Amino acid sequence: MICPRCESENVDKLVDSPVGDVWEVYMCNRCYYSWRSTEDASVTDPAKYDKRFKLTEAQIAKMMEIPPIPPLEVE
């Protein structure tokens, strides 16, 4: 499995459909893109993924980390 967005081979299957063998959800461990196996090829196929949204390893390295959510203040 190759990530459609960054073309990494470091992809894990997260979950199978709860009923039947209908779909799977995958996630890239480099860019954190996730997709369902039943989505259109423009979302799941690296060759058909929109080039405007592709990410390189250099771009990923420059991305900011998501800031942590502070603890909830209880009154």
Protein backbone atom coordinates (compact mmCIF):
# COMPACT_ATOMS: atom_id res chain seq x y z
CA MET A 1 0.00 0.00 0.00
CA ILE A 2 1.31 3.46 -0.93
CA CYS A 3 0.02 6.76 0.43
CA PRO A 4 -1.72 8.74 -2.33
CA ARG A 5 -0.56 12.08 -0.87
CA CYS A 6 3.13 11.58 0.00
CA GLU A 7 3.80 8.20 -1.66
CA SER A 8 5.21 6.69 1.52
CA GLU A 9 5.02 2.93 1.92
CA ASN A 10 4.59 3.35 5.69
CA VAL A 11 0.81 2.83 5.69
CA ASP A 12 -1.27 0.93 8.22
CA LYS A 13 -4.79 -0.41 8.03
CA LEU A 14 -6.69 1.18 10.92
CA VAL A 15 -10.00 -0.61 10.82
CA ASP A 16 -12.29 -2.89 8.83
CA SER A 17 -15.98 -2.19 8.28
CA PRO A 18 -17.97 -3.31 11.32
CA VAL A 19 -20.42 -5.36 9.25
CA GLY A 20 -19.25 -7.58 6.44
CA ASP A 21 -16.06 -7.14 4.51
CA VAL A 22 -17.14 -3.90 2.81
CA TRP A 23 -14.31 -1.38 3.35
CA GLU A 24 -11.08 -0.67 5.22
CA VAL A 25 -9.60 2.60 6.49
CA TYR A 26 -5.90 3.25 5.95
CA MET A 27 -3.57 5.91 7.39
CA CYS A 28 -0.14 7.09 6.33
CA ASN A 29 2.36 7.23 9.20
CA ARG A 30 4.40 9.98 7.52
CA CYS A 31 1.82 12.61 6.47
CA TYR A 32 -1.18 11.25 8.45
CA TYR A 33 -3.45 11.21 5.42
CA SER A 34 -6.26 8.69 5.82
CA TRP A 35 -8.68 7.18 3.33
CA ARG A 36 -11.31 4.51 2.94
CA SER A 37 -10.76 1.75 0.41
CA THR A 38 -14.11 2.45 -1.29
CA GLU A 39 -13.30 6.07 -2.16
CA ASP A 40 -12.73 7.21 -5.75
CA ALA A 41 -9.35 6.51 -7.39
CA SER A 42 -8.60 10.26 -7.26
CA VAL A 43 -8.40 9.82 -3.48
CA THR A 44 -6.81 6.37 -3.21
CA ASP A 45 -4.48 6.02 -6.22
CA PRO A 46 -1.15 7.93 -6.00
CA ALA A 47 -1.05 8.30 -9.80
CA LYS A 48 -4.50 9.92 -9.87
CA TYR A 49 -4.23 11.98 -6.66
CA ASP A 50 -4.35 15.73 -7.42
CA LYS A 51 -0.73 16.90 -7.74
CA ARG A 52 -1.60 20.26 -6.13
CA PHE A 53 -2.15 18.44 -2.84
CA LYS A 54 0.86 16.09 -2.95
CA LEU A 55 3.41 16.48 -0.15
CA THR A 56 7.14 15.85 -0.32
CA GLU A 57 9.24 14.68 2.60
CA ALA A 58 10.81 18.17 2.76
CA GLN A 59 7.39 19.83 2.96
CA ILE A 60 6.29 17.45 5.70
CA ALA A 61 9.46 18.18 7.71
CA LYS A 62 8.64 21.93 7.63
CA MET A 63 5.04 21.50 8.76
CA MET A 64 4.09 22.82 12.16
CA GLU A 65 3.01 20.42 14.85
CA ILE A 66 -0.56 20.61 16.03
CA PRO A 67 -0.50 22.46 19.36
CA PRO A 68 -1.69 20.49 22.37
CA ILE A 69 -5.12 21.27 23.78
CA PRO A 70 -4.77 22.75 27.26
CA PRO A 71 -6.52 21.02 30.15
CA LEU A 72 -10.15 21.95 30.70
CA GLU A 73 -10.56 24.52 33.45
CA VAL A 74 -13.17 23.38 35.94
CA GLU A 75 -14.84 26.07 38.02
